[in-house]
Amino acid sequence: SSDLSANGAERINALRATPELAQADEVRGAVPADERVIVVGDDWSSATLFHADRRGMMYRETGPRLDAGELGTTYRYVYWHNTEPFEHWSRYFPPELKYEWISEHVLRILPIGE
């Protein structure tokens, strides 16, 4: 019986070590539960949002530009996936948009005018 418990614990720890769950842990720790998150650089995979138990959207460079009025209001957090160089920020968001980093990959969008 103790072998099964140990094996189960090992399997759970192995699952926690997957990139998707590490990303979800970071989002969960940085973004309040009632906030929406934009995920950039993870293609269309919703795994980060699903495992973080957060609402939001996956955003691709080839997708439509977001309305500036939604940035900093409806969407106030961005998870910047490490596969996307941060120099590409302006491909996704208006250049006048201000932000602050709150964790290694999560930034908070400041309302325009702040």
PDB file of N, CA and C in Angstrom:
ATOM      1  N   SER A   1       0.820  -1.195   0.000  1.00  0.00           N
ATOM      2  CA  SER A   1       0.000   0.000   0.000  1.00  0.00           C
ATOM      3  C   SER A   1       0.864   1.259   0.000  1.00  0.00           C
ATOM      4  N   SER A   2       1.968   1.260   0.797  1.00  0.00           N
ATOM      5  CA  SER A   2       2.835   2.433   0.824  1.00  0.00           C
ATOM      6  C   SER A   2       3.527   2.624  -0.521  1.00  0.00           C
ATOM      7  N   ASP A   3       3.789   1.529  -1.268  1.00  0.00           N
ATOM      8  CA  ASP A   3       4.383   1.656  -2.597  1.00  0.00           C
ATOM      9  C   ASP A   3       3.437   2.384  -3.541  1.00  0.00           C
ATOM     10  N   LEU A   4       2.136   2.090  -3.443  1.00  0.00           N
ATOM     11  CA  LEU A   4       1.164   2.772  -4.287  1.00  0.00           C
ATOM     12  C   LEU A   4       1.100   4.248  -3.947  1.00  0.00           C
ATOM     13  N   SER A   5       1.137   4.580  -2.662  1.00  0.00           N
ATOM     14  CA  SER A   5       1.101   5.987  -2.257  1.00  0.00           C
ATOM     15  C   SER A   5       2.335   6.718  -2.760  1.00  0.00           C
ATOM     16  N   ALA A   6       3.494   6.107  -2.626  1.00  0.00           N
ATOM     17  CA  ALA A   6       4.733   6.730  -3.084  1.00  0.00           C
ATOM     18  C   ALA A   6       4.712   6.907  -4.602  1.00  0.00           C
ATOM     19  N   ASN A   7       4.239   5.872  -5.300  1.00  0.00           N
ATOM     20  CA  ASN A   7       4.158   5.946  -6.751  1.00  0.00           C
ATOM     21  C   ASN A   7       3.189   7.048  -7.177  1.00  0.00           C
ATOM     22  N   GLY A   8       2.061   7.148  -6.493  1.00  0.00           N
ATOM     23  CA  GLY A   8       1.087   8.196  -6.803  1.00  0.00           C
ATOM     24  C   GLY A   8       1.668   9.581  -6.580  1.00  0.00           C
ATOM     25  N   ALA A   9       2.408   9.758  -5.487  1.00  0.00           N
ATOM     26  CA  ALA A   9       3.039  11.045  -5.199  1.00  0.00           C
ATOM     27  C   ALA A   9       4.083  11.395  -6.262  1.00  0.00           C
ATOM     28  N   GLU A  10       4.844  10.395  -6.702  1.00  0.00           N
ATOM     29  CA  GLU A  10       5.836  10.625  -7.750  1.00  0.00           C
ATOM     30  C   GLU A  10       5.157  11.067  -9.046  1.00  0.00           C
ATOM     31  N   ARG A  11       4.059  10.431  -9.375  1.00  0.00           N
ATOM     32  CA  ARG A  11       3.338  10.784 -10.606  1.00  0.00           C
ATOM     33  C   ARG A  11       2.790  12.206 -10.526  1.00  0.00           C
ATOM     34  N   ILE A  12       2.255  12.563  -9.373  1.00  0.00           N
ATOM     35  CA  ILE A  12       1.728  13.927  -9.199  1.00  0.00           C
ATOM     36  C   ILE A  12       2.862  14.940  -9.309  1.00  0.00           C
ATOM     37  N   ASN A  13       3.994  14.668  -8.666  1.00  0.00           N
ATOM     38  CA  ASN A  13       5.133  15.585  -8.753  1.00  0.00           C
ATOM     39  C   ASN A  13       5.666  15.692 -10.179  1.00  0.00           C
ATOM     40  N   ALA A  14       5.645  14.579 -10.917  1.00  0.00           N
ATOM     41  CA  ALA A  14       6.087  14.610 -12.315  1.00  0.00           C
ATOM     42  C   ALA A  14       5.147  15.481 -13.151  1.00  0.00           C
ATOM     43  N   LEU A  15       3.853  15.392 -12.890  1.00  0.00           N
ATOM     44  CA  LEU A  15       2.890  16.237 -13.599  1.00  0.00           C
ATOM     45  C   LEU A  15       3.120  17.710 -13.288  1.00  0.00           C
ATOM     46  N   ARG A  16       3.420  18.018 -12.041  1.00  0.00           N
ATOM     47  CA  ARG A  16       3.654  19.411 -11.647  1.00  0.00           C
ATOM     48  C   ARG A  16       4.888  19.985 -12.330  1.00  0.00           C
ATOM     49  N   ALA A  17       5.786  19.138 -12.760  1.00  0.00           N
ATOM     50  CA  ALA A  17       7.019  19.601 -13.387  1.00  0.00           C
ATOM     51  C   ALA A  17       6.840  19.911 -14.876  1.00  0.00           C
ATOM     52  N   THR A  18       5.674  19.669 -15.452  1.00  0.00           N
ATOM     53  CA  THR A  18       5.472  19.952 -16.867  1.00  0.00           C
ATOM     54  C   THR A  18       5.432  21.468 -17.080  1.00  0.00           C
ATOM     55  N   PRO A  19       5.876  21.919 -18.242  1.00  0.00           N
ATOM     56  CA  PRO A  19       5.890  23.363 -18.508  1.00  0.00           C
ATOM     57  C   PRO A  19       4.512  24.020 -18.346  1.00  0.00           C
ATOM     58  N   GLU A  20       3.467  23.345 -18.805  1.00  0.00           N
ATOM     59  CA  GLU A  20       2.127  23.928 -18.717  1.00  0.00           C
ATOM     60  C   GLU A  20       1.725  24.204 -17.270  1.00  0.00           C
ATOM     61  N   LEU A  21       2.052  23.286 -16.378  1.00  0.00           N
ATOM     62  CA  LEU A  21       1.665  23.494 -14.979  1.00  0.00           C
ATOM     63  C   LEU A  21       2.545  24.528 -14.304  1.00  0.00           C
ATOM     64  N   ALA A  22       3.804  24.600 -14.691  1.00  0.00           N
ATOM     65  CA  ALA A  22       4.665  25.654 -14.148  1.00  0.00           C
ATOM     66  C   ALA A  22       4.161  27.022 -14.596  1.00  0.00           C
ATOM     67  N   GLN A  23       3.747  27.136 -15.850  1.00  0.00           N
ATOM     68  CA  GLN A  23       3.181  28.394 -16.353  1.00  0.00           C
ATOM     69  C   GLN A  23       1.896  28.726 -15.606  1.00  0.00           C
ATOM     70  N   ALA A  24       1.060  27.724 -15.417  1.00  0.00           N
ATOM     71  CA  ALA A  24      -0.210  27.931 -14.711  1.00  0.00           C
ATOM     72  C   ALA A  24       0.034  28.372 -13.277  1.00  0.00           C
ATOM     73  N   ASP A  25       1.019  27.775 -12.610  1.00  0.00           N
ATOM     74  CA  ASP A  25       1.345  28.186 -11.244  1.00  0.00           C
ATOM     75  C   ASP A  25       1.755  29.650 -11.197  1.00  0.00           C
ATOM     76  N   GLU A  26       2.554  30.075 -12.179  1.00  0.00           N
ATOM     77  CA  GLU A  26       2.981  31.480 -12.211  1.00  0.00           C
ATOM     78  C   GLU A  26       1.790  32.408 -12.422  1.00  0.00           C
ATOM     79  N   VAL A  27       0.909  32.058 -13.356  1.00  0.00           N
ATOM     80  CA  VAL A  27      -0.281  32.881 -13.607  1.00  0.00           C
ATOM     81  C   VAL A  27      -1.166  32.913 -12.369  1.00  0.00           C
ATOM     82  N   ARG A  28      -1.399  31.766 -11.771  1.00  0.00           N
ATOM     83  CA  ARG A  28      -2.259  31.681 -10.582  1.00  0.00           C
ATOM     84  C   ARG A  28      -1.712  32.537  -9.438  1.00  0.00           C
ATOM     85  N   GLY A  29      -0.382  32.554  -9.294  1.00  0.00           N
ATOM     86  CA  GLY A  29       0.228  33.324  -8.228  1.00  0.00           C
ATOM     87  C   GLY A  29       0.276  34.817  -8.491  1.00  0.00           C
ATOM     88  N   ALA A  30       0.256  35.221  -9.758  1.00  0.00           N
ATOM     89  CA  ALA A  30       0.423  36.634 -10.107  1.00  0.00           C
ATOM     90  C   ALA A  30      -0.876  37.353 -10.455  1.00  0.00           C
ATOM     91  N   VAL A  31      -1.865  36.603 -10.920  1.00  0.00           N
ATOM     92  CA  VAL A  31      -3.086  37.224 -11.438  1.00  0.00           C
ATOM     93  C   VAL A  31      -4.265  36.891 -10.527  1.00  0.00           C
ATOM     94  N   PRO A  32      -4.967  37.911 -10.026  1.00  0.00           N
ATOM     95  CA  PRO A  32      -6.153  37.644  -9.198  1.00  0.00           C
ATOM     96  C   PRO A  32      -7.171  36.775  -9.950  1.00  0.00           C
ATOM     97  N   ALA A  33      -7.902  35.964  -9.217  1.00  0.00           N
ATOM     98  CA  ALA A  33      -8.829  34.985  -9.813  1.00  0.00           C
ATOM     99  C   ALA A  33      -9.905  35.624 -10.678  1.00  0.00           C
ATOM    100  N   ASP A  34     -10.290  36.847 -10.397  1.00  0.00           N
ATOM    101  CA  ASP A  34     -11.370  37.476 -11.156  1.00  0.00           C
ATOM    102  C   ASP A  34     -10.875  38.288 -12.354  1.00  0.00           C
ATOM    103  N   GLU A  35      -9.587  38.204 -12.655  1.00  0.00           N
ATOM    104  CA  GLU A  35      -9.013  38.952 -13.778  1.00  0.00           C
ATOM    105  C   GLU A  35      -8.831  38.070 -15.008  1.00  0.00           C
ATOM    106  N   ARG A  36      -8.870  38.692 -16.183  1.00  0.00           N
ATOM    107  CA  ARG A  36      -8.632  37.991 -17.445  1.00  0.00           C
ATOM    108  C   ARG A  36      -7.176  38.154 -17.865  1.00  0.00           C
ATOM    109  N   VAL A  37      -6.667  37.143 -18.559  1.00  0.00           N
ATOM    110  CA  VAL A  37      -5.260  37.107 -18.959  1.00  0.00           C
ATOM    111  C   VAL A  37      -5.164  36.925 -20.471  1.00  0.00           C
ATOM    112  N   ILE A  38      -4.263  37.672 -21.088  1.00  0.00           N
ATOM    113  CA  ILE A  38      -3.920  37.460 -22.493  1.00  0.00           C
ATOM    114  C   ILE A  38      -2.643  36.624 -22.502  1.00  0.00           C
ATOM    115  N   VAL A  39      -2.654  35.503 -23.197  1.00  0.00           N
ATOM    116  CA  VAL A  39      -1.465  34.651 -23.298  1.00  0.00           C
ATOM    117  C   VAL A  39      -0.862  34.857 -24.686  1.00  0.00           C
ATOM    118  N   VAL A  40       0.399  35.285 -24.720  1.00  0.00           N
ATOM    119  CA  VAL A  40       1.108  35.559 -25.974  1.00  0.00           C
ATOM    120  C   VAL A  40       2.227  34.535 -26.142  1.00  0.00           C
ATOM    121  N   GLY A  41       2.351  33.981 -27.352  1.00  0.00           N
ATOM    122  CA  GLY A  41       3.485  33.127 -27.682  1.00  0.00           C
ATOM    123  C   GLY A  41       3.291  31.654 -27.396  1.00  0.00           C
ATOM    124  N   ASP A  42       2.078  31.235 -27.116  1.00  0.00           N
ATOM    125  CA  ASP A  42       1.819  29.813 -26.849  1.00  0.00           C
ATOM    126  C   ASP A  42       0.822  29.263 -27.862  1.00  0.00           C
ATOM    127  N   ASP A  43       0.854  29.843 -29.064  1.00  0.00           N
ATOM    128  CA  ASP A  43      -0.042  29.466 -30.152  1.00  0.00           C
ATOM    129  C   ASP A  43      -1.487  29.533 -29.660  1.00  0.00           C
ATOM    130  N   TRP A  44      -2.289  28.525 -29.933  1.00  0.00           N
ATOM    131  CA  TRP A  44      -3.693  28.537 -29.510  1.00  0.00           C
ATOM    132  C   TRP A  44      -3.932  27.666 -28.285  1.00  0.00           C
ATOM    133  N   SER A  45      -2.875  27.167 -27.655  1.00  0.00           N
ATOM    134  CA  SER A  45      -3.047  26.279 -26.505  1.00  0.00           C
ATOM    135  C   SER A  45      -3.628  27.034 -25.311  1.00  0.00           C
ATOM    136  N   SER A  46      -4.717  26.531 -24.793  1.00  0.00           N
ATOM    137  CA  SER A  46      -5.342  27.153 -23.619  1.00  0.00           C
ATOM    138  C   SER A  46      -4.939  26.455 -22.319  1.00  0.00           C
ATOM    139  N   ALA A  47      -3.918  25.589 -22.380  1.00  0.00           N
ATOM    140  CA  ALA A  47      -3.515  24.811 -21.204  1.00  0.00           C
ATOM    141  C   ALA A  47      -3.136  25.702 -20.025  1.00  0.00           C
ATOM    142  N   THR A  48      -2.415  26.789 -20.274  1.00  0.00           N
ATOM    143  CA  THR A  48      -2.001  27.671 -19.182  1.00  0.00           C
ATOM    144  C   THR A  48      -3.213  28.234 -18.467  1.00  0.00           C
ATOM    145  N   LEU A  49      -4.165  28.757 -19.218  1.00  0.00           N
ATOM    146  CA  LEU A  49      -5.372  29.325 -18.603  1.00  0.00           C
ATOM    147  C   LEU A  49      -6.199  28.248 -17.903  1.00  0.00           C
ATOM    148  N   PHE A  50      -6.343  27.102 -18.532  1.00  0.00           N
ATOM    149  CA  PHE A  50      -7.132  26.018 -17.953  1.00  0.00           C
ATOM    150  C   PHE A  50      -6.558  25.588 -16.606  1.00  0.00           C
ATOM    151  N   HIS A  51      -5.266  25.306 -16.573  1.00  0.00           N
ATOM    152  CA  HIS A  51      -4.647  24.823 -15.335  1.00  0.00           C
ATOM    153  C   HIS A  51      -4.510  25.919 -14.276  1.00  0.00           C
ATOM    154  N   ALA A  52      -4.473  27.173 -14.706  1.00  0.00           N
ATOM    155  CA  ALA A  52      -4.413  28.287 -13.750  1.00  0.00           C
ATOM    156  C   ALA A  52      -5.801  28.642 -13.224  1.00  0.00           C
ATOM    157  N   ASP A  53      -6.840  28.082 -13.841  1.00  0.00           N
ATOM    158  CA  ASP A  53      -8.222  28.402 -13.486  1.00  0.00           C
ATOM    159  C   ASP A  53      -8.478  29.900 -13.655  1.00  0.00           C
ATOM    160  N   ARG A  54      -8.036  30.412 -14.814  1.00  0.00           N
ATOM    161  CA  ARG A  54      -8.230  31.821 -15.144  1.00  0.00           C
ATOM    162  C   ARG A  54      -8.913  31.931 -16.493  1.00  0.00           C
ATOM    163  N   ARG A  55      -9.666  33.010 -16.664  1.00  0.00           N
ATOM    164  CA  ARG A  55     -10.276  33.288 -17.959  1.00  0.00           C
ATOM    165  C   ARG A  55      -9.337  34.178 -18.756  1.00  0.00           C
ATOM    166  N   GLY A  56      -9.473  34.130 -20.043  1.00  0.00           N
ATOM    167  CA  GLY A  56      -8.644  34.981 -20.874  1.00  0.00           C
ATOM    168  C   GLY A  56      -8.694  34.543 -22.314  1.00  0.00           C
ATOM    169  N   MET A  57      -7.654  34.900 -23.040  1.00  0.00           N
ATOM    170  CA  MET A  57      -7.602  34.551 -24.456  1.00  0.00           C
ATOM    171  C   MET A  57      -6.173  34.302 -24.882  1.00  0.00           C
ATOM    172  N   MET A  58      -6.055  33.468 -25.887  1.00  0.00           N
ATOM    173  CA  MET A  58      -4.773  33.200 -26.514  1.00  0.00           C
ATOM    174  C   MET A  58      -4.633  34.242 -27.619  1.00  0.00           C
ATOM    175  N   TYR A  59      -3.460  34.803 -27.745  1.00  0.00           N
ATOM    176  CA  TYR A  59      -3.285  35.885 -28.705  1.00  0.00           C
ATOM    177  C   TYR A  59      -2.087  35.604 -29.590  1.00  0.00           C
ATOM    178  N   ARG A  60      -2.310  35.672 -30.893  1.00  0.00           N
ATOM    179  CA  ARG A  60      -1.259  35.419 -31.876  1.00  0.00           C
ATOM    180  C   ARG A  60      -0.977  36.687 -32.659  1.00  0.00           C
ATOM    181  N   GLU A  61       0.238  36.767 -33.140  1.00  0.00           N
ATOM    182  CA  GLU A  61       0.633  37.932 -33.932  1.00  0.00           C
ATOM    183  C   GLU A  61      -0.263  38.100 -35.157  1.00  0.00           C
ATOM    184  N   THR A  62      -0.718  36.988 -35.714  1.00  0.00           N
ATOM    185  CA  THR A  62      -1.555  37.047 -36.911  1.00  0.00           C
ATOM    186  C   THR A  62      -3.020  37.316 -36.585  1.00  0.00           C
ATOM    187  N   GLY A  63      -3.353  37.413 -35.307  1.00  0.00           N
ATOM    188  CA  GLY A  63      -4.735  37.676 -34.915  1.00  0.00           C
ATOM    189  C   GLY A  63      -5.080  39.144 -35.046  1.00  0.00           C
ATOM    190  N   PRO A  64      -6.356  39.457 -34.873  1.00  0.00           N
ATOM    191  CA  PRO A  64      -6.774  40.861 -34.960  1.00  0.00           C
ATOM    192  C   PRO A  64      -6.176  41.671 -33.811  1.00  0.00           C
ATOM    193  N   ARG A  65      -5.916  42.951 -34.055  1.00  0.00           N
ATOM    194  CA  ARG A  65      -5.401  43.829 -33.000  1.00  0.00           C
ATOM    195  C   ARG A  65      -6.489  44.025 -31.953  1.00  0.00           C
ATOM    196  N   LEU A  66      -6.064  44.057 -30.714  1.00  0.00           N
ATOM    197  CA  LEU A  66      -7.012  44.301 -29.635  1.00  0.00           C
ATOM    198  C   LEU A  66      -7.368  45.777 -29.583  1.00  0.00           C
ATOM    199  N   ASP A  67      -8.591  46.060 -29.218  1.00  0.00           N
ATOM    200  CA  ASP A  67      -9.043  47.425 -29.045  1.00  0.00           C
ATOM    201  C   ASP A  67      -8.319  48.035 -27.844  1.00  0.00           C
ATOM    202  N   ALA A  68      -7.732  49.204 -28.023  1.00  0.00           N
ATOM    203  CA  ALA A  68      -6.963  49.837 -26.947  1.00  0.00           C
ATOM    204  C   ALA A  68      -7.819  50.067 -25.708  1.00  0.00           C
ATOM    205  N   GLY A  69      -9.115  50.251 -25.876  1.00  0.00           N
ATOM    206  CA  GLY A  69     -10.004  50.461 -24.736  1.00  0.00           C
ATOM    207  C   GLY A  69     -10.125  49.239 -23.839  1.00  0.00           C
ATOM    208  N   GLU A  70      -9.923  48.049 -24.408  1.00  0.00           N
ATOM    209  CA  GLU A  70      -9.987  46.813 -23.614  1.00  0.00           C
ATOM    210  C   GLU A  70      -8.708  46.553 -22.832  1.00  0.00           C
ATOM    211  N   LEU A  71      -7.603  47.111 -23.304  1.00  0.00           N
ATOM    212  CA  LEU A  71      -6.316  46.870 -22.668  1.00  0.00           C
ATOM    213  C   LEU A  71      -6.188  47.775 -21.451  1.00  0.00           C
ATOM    214  N   GLY A  72      -5.991  47.181 -20.319  1.00  0.00           N
ATOM    215  CA  GLY A  72      -5.930  47.933 -19.078  1.00  0.00           C
ATOM    216  C   GLY A  72      -7.272  48.020 -18.387  1.00  0.00           C
ATOM    217  N   THR A  73      -8.321  47.521 -19.054  1.00  0.00           N
ATOM    218  CA  THR A  73      -9.651  47.489 -18.425  1.00  0.00           C
ATOM    219  C   THR A  73     -10.145  46.045 -18.395  1.00  0.00           C
ATOM    220  N   THR A  74     -10.664  45.542 -19.517  1.00  0.00           N
ATOM    221  CA  THR A  74     -11.122  44.148 -19.581  1.00  0.00           C
ATOM    222  C   THR A  74      -9.950  43.190 -19.417  1.00  0.00           C
ATOM    223  N   TYR A  75      -8.874  43.468 -20.113  1.00  0.00           N
ATOM    224  CA  TYR A  75      -7.668  42.641 -20.034  1.00  0.00           C
ATOM    225  C   TYR A  75      -6.564  43.462 -19.386  1.00  0.00           C
ATOM    226  N   ARG A  76      -6.177  43.083 -18.175  1.00  0.00           N
ATOM    227  CA  ARG A  76      -5.158  43.850 -17.462  1.00  0.00           C
ATOM    228  C   ARG A  76      -3.879  43.067 -17.219  1.00  0.00           C
ATOM    229  N   TYR A  77      -3.840  41.811 -17.646  1.00  0.00           N
ATOM    230  CA  TYR A  77      -2.655  40.978 -17.421  1.00  0.00           C
ATOM    231  C   TYR A  77      -2.273  40.250 -18.695  1.00  0.00           C
ATOM    232  N   VAL A  78      -0.967  40.078 -18.899  1.00  0.00           N
ATOM    233  CA  VAL A  78      -0.441  39.348 -20.049  1.00  0.00           C
ATOM    234  C   VAL A  78       0.544  38.311 -19.530  1.00  0.00           C
ATOM    235  N   TYR A  79       0.384  37.075 -19.990  1.00  0.00           N
ATOM    236  CA  TYR A  79       1.412  36.056 -19.769  1.00  0.00           C
ATOM    237  C   TYR A  79       2.233  36.024 -21.042  1.00  0.00           C
ATOM    238  N   TRP A  80       3.501  36.427 -20.949  1.00  0.00           N
ATOM    239  CA  TRP A  80       4.379  36.466 -22.114  1.00  0.00           C
ATOM    240  C   TRP A  80       5.184  35.178 -22.136  1.00  0.00           C
ATOM    241  N   HIS A  81       4.782  34.255 -23.001  1.00  0.00           N
ATOM    242  CA  HIS A  81       5.430  32.950 -23.095  1.00  0.00           C
ATOM    243  C   HIS A  81       6.876  33.135 -23.537  1.00  0.00           C
ATOM    244  N   ASN A  82       7.776  32.376 -22.950  1.00  0.00           N
ATOM    245  CA  ASN A  82       9.202  32.568 -23.215  1.00  0.00           C
ATOM    246  C   ASN A  82       9.648  32.173 -24.618  1.00  0.00           C
ATOM    247  N   THR A  83       8.751  31.654 -25.448  1.00  0.00           N
ATOM    248  CA  THR A  83       9.142  31.329 -26.824  1.00  0.00           C
ATOM    249  C   THR A  83       9.079  32.563 -27.716  1.00  0.00           C
ATOM    250  N   GLU A  84       8.469  33.621 -27.242  1.00  0.00           N
ATOM    251  CA  GLU A  84       8.294  34.835 -28.039  1.00  0.00           C
ATOM    252  C   GLU A  84       9.230  35.920 -27.517  1.00  0.00           C
ATOM    253  N   PRO A  85      10.166  36.426 -28.350  1.00  0.00           N
ATOM    254  CA  PRO A  85      11.060  37.486 -27.883  1.00  0.00           C
ATOM    255  C   PRO A  85      10.260  38.732 -27.501  1.00  0.00           C
ATOM    256  N   PHE A  86      10.609  39.331 -26.378  1.00  0.00           N
ATOM    257  CA  PHE A  86       9.840  40.483 -25.900  1.00  0.00           C
ATOM    258  C   PHE A  86       9.973  41.688 -26.822  1.00  0.00           C
ATOM    259  N   GLU A  87      11.011  41.719 -27.657  1.00  0.00           N
ATOM    260  CA  GLU A  87      11.138  42.823 -28.610  1.00  0.00           C
ATOM    261  C   GLU A  87       9.930  42.897 -29.547  1.00  0.00           C
ATOM    262  N   HIS A  88       9.165  41.823 -29.634  1.00  0.00           N
ATOM    263  CA  HIS A  88       8.008  41.789 -30.530  1.00  0.00           C
ATOM    264  C   HIS A  88       6.753  42.395 -29.900  1.00  0.00           C
ATOM    265  N   TRP A  89       6.892  43.000 -28.728  1.00  0.00           N
ATOM    266  CA  TRP A  89       5.749  43.594 -28.020  1.00  0.00           C
ATOM    267  C   TRP A  89       4.883  44.437 -28.958  1.00  0.00           C
ATOM    268  N   SER A  90       5.523  45.290 -29.770  1.00  0.00           N
ATOM    269  CA  SER A  90       4.766  46.211 -30.623  1.00  0.00           C
ATOM    270  C   SER A  90       4.022  45.502 -31.751  1.00  0.00           C
ATOM    271  N   ARG A  91       4.342  44.249 -32.020  1.00  0.00           N
ATOM    272  CA  ARG A  91       3.571  43.492 -33.011  1.00  0.00           C
ATOM    273  C   ARG A  91       2.197  43.119 -32.462  1.00  0.00           C
ATOM    274  N   TYR A  92       2.080  43.096 -31.156  1.00  0.00           N
ATOM    275  CA  TYR A  92       0.845  42.669 -30.512  1.00  0.00           C
ATOM    276  C   TYR A  92       0.034  43.822 -29.926  1.00  0.00           C
ATOM    277  N   PHE A  93       0.730  44.799 -29.396  1.00  0.00           N
ATOM    278  CA  PHE A  93       0.065  45.839 -28.612  1.00  0.00           C
ATOM    279  C   PHE A  93       0.458  47.225 -29.091  1.00  0.00           C
ATOM    280  N   PRO A  94      -0.423  48.223 -28.875  1.00  0.00           N
ATOM    281  CA  PRO A  94      -0.093  49.593 -29.272  1.00  0.00           C
ATOM    282  C   PRO A  94       1.167  50.073 -28.546  1.00  0.00           C
ATOM    283  N   PRO A  95       2.018  50.821 -29.238  1.00  0.00           N
ATOM    284  CA  PRO A  95       3.278  51.248 -28.630  1.00  0.00           C
ATOM    285  C   PRO A  95       3.098  52.154 -27.413  1.00  0.00           C
ATOM    286  N   GLU A  96       1.987  52.862 -27.327  1.00  0.00           N
ATOM    287  CA  GLU A  96       1.761  53.763 -26.194  1.00  0.00           C
ATOM    288  C   GLU A  96       1.299  53.040 -24.925  1.00  0.00           C
ATOM    289  N   LEU A  97       1.034  51.748 -25.050  1.00  0.00           N
ATOM    290  CA  LEU A  97       0.563  50.979 -23.906  1.00  0.00           C
ATOM    291  C   LEU A  97       1.668  50.834 -22.861  1.00  0.00           C
ATOM    292  N   LYS A  98       1.350  51.143 -21.628  1.00  0.00           N
ATOM    293  CA  LYS A  98       2.316  51.040 -20.530  1.00  0.00           C
ATOM    294  C   LYS A  98       2.030  49.761 -19.743  1.00  0.00           C
ATOM    295  N   TYR A  99       3.076  49.218 -19.119  1.00  0.00           N
ATOM    296  CA  TYR A  99       2.938  47.961 -18.386  1.00  0.00           C
ATOM    297  C   TYR A  99       3.987  47.909 -17.294  1.00  0.00           C
ATOM    298  N   GLU A 100       3.813  46.959 -16.382  1.00  0.00           N
ATOM    299  CA  GLU A 100       4.827  46.676 -15.371  1.00  0.00           C
ATOM    300  C   GLU A 100       4.921  45.179 -15.197  1.00  0.00           C
ATOM    301  N   TRP A 101       6.154  44.674 -15.065  1.00  0.00           N
ATOM    302  CA  TRP A 101       6.362  43.249 -14.829  1.00  0.00           C
ATOM    303  C   TRP A 101       6.018  42.947 -13.383  1.00  0.00           C
ATOM    304  N   ILE A 102       5.242  41.879 -13.159  1.00  0.00           N
ATOM    305  CA  ILE A 102       4.912  41.488 -11.788  1.00  0.00           C
ATOM    306  C   ILE A 102       5.449  40.098 -11.441  1.00  0.00           C
ATOM    307  N   SER A 103       5.933  39.379 -12.434  1.00  0.00           N
ATOM    308  CA  SER A 103       6.623  38.104 -12.213  1.00  0.00           C
ATOM    309  C   SER A 103       7.501  37.860 -13.438  1.00  0.00           C
ATOM    310  N   GLU A 104       8.130  36.715 -13.500  1.00  0.00           N
ATOM    311  CA  GLU A 104       9.065  36.454 -14.597  1.00  0.00           C
ATOM    312  C   GLU A 104       8.426  36.575 -15.981  1.00  0.00           C
ATOM    313  N   HIS A 105       7.189  36.099 -16.125  1.00  0.00           N
ATOM    314  CA  HIS A 105       6.518  36.100 -17.429  1.00  0.00           C
ATOM    315  C   HIS A 105       5.200  36.863 -17.442  1.00  0.00           C
ATOM    316  N   VAL A 106       4.784  37.405 -16.326  1.00  0.00           N
ATOM    317  CA  VAL A 106       3.477  38.076 -16.250  1.00  0.00           C
ATOM    318  C   VAL A 106       3.683  39.572 -16.084  1.00  0.00           C
ATOM    319  N   LEU A 107       2.959  40.326 -16.892  1.00  0.00           N
ATOM    320  CA  LEU A 107       2.976  41.770 -16.732  1.00  0.00           C
ATOM    321  C   LEU A 107       1.562  42.290 -16.592  1.00  0.00           C
ATOM    322  N   ARG A 108       1.461  43.415 -15.920  1.00  0.00           N
ATOM    323  CA  ARG A 108       0.160  44.071 -15.714  1.00  0.00           C
ATOM    324  C   ARG A 108       0.108  45.277 -16.639  1.00  0.00           C
ATOM    325  N   ILE A 109      -0.958  45.362 -17.415  1.00  0.00           N
ATOM    326  CA  ILE A 109      -1.156  46.483 -18.319  1.00  0.00           C
ATOM    327  C   ILE A 109      -1.733  47.641 -17.499  1.00  0.00           C
ATOM    328  N   LEU A 110      -1.151  48.805 -17.679  1.00  0.00           N
ATOM    329  CA  LEU A 110      -1.661  49.995 -16.993  1.00  0.00           C
ATOM    330  C   LEU A 110      -2.687  50.674 -17.896  1.00  0.00           C
ATOM    331  N   PRO A 111      -3.749  51.198 -17.314  1.00  0.00           N
ATOM    332  CA  PRO A 111      -4.738  51.890 -18.158  1.00  0.00           C
ATOM    333  C   PRO A 111      -4.072  53.024 -18.926  1.00  0.00           C
ATOM    334  N   ILE A 112      -4.489  53.231 -20.165  1.00  0.00           N
ATOM    335  CA  ILE A 112      -3.937  54.286 -20.984  1.00  0.00           C
ATOM    336  C   ILE A 112      -4.207  55.622 -20.291  1.00  0.00           C
ATOM    337  N   GLY A 113      -3.192  56.425 -20.194  1.00  0.00           N
ATOM    338  CA  GLY A 113      -3.309  57.710 -19.503  1.00  0.00           C
ATOM    339  C   GLY A 113      -2.650  57.710 -18.142  1.00  0.00           C
ATOM    340  N   GLU A 114      -2.255  56.549 -17.614  1.00  0.00           N
ATOM    341  CA  GLU A 114      -1.570  56.490 -16.307  1.00  0.00           C
ATOM    342  C   GLU A 114      -0.088  56.722 -16.484  1.00  0.00           C
TER     343      GLU A 114
END
